[in-house]
């Protein structure tokens, strides 16, 4: 997205997609026991997805959630809020829902992409 080479060849700017990604790390001891799975797990629903998988030999779990934002977004990264995450995951199955209360902090990415580059040369 911030490629110096691309910028020298193409004069385009990133476009905000409207998709938001949140990430948090949870200690294994804080994860629900039945969800301490030694493999990536995807919970997919309408307009929201949740992925979790072990880190550091199972001592921690990475939680990643994504959804399409209800508001106009600006491209970038910032601290996130548990309240926003929970607002997008109301009505999901209780098993994945219980994980969303575990993180003490979240990081939030508002994503962007670019049009495919033209051929050069």
Foldseek 3Di string as FASTA:
>chain_A
DPDPVCVVVDVDDWDFPQKKKKKFKFFLVLADPVPLDQDWDWDDDVQKIWIKHADPVSRMIMIMMMGRDPDDDDFDKDWDDLVVVVVVPPPDDPNVSVVSVGGPTMMMGRDTDTDDDDDDD
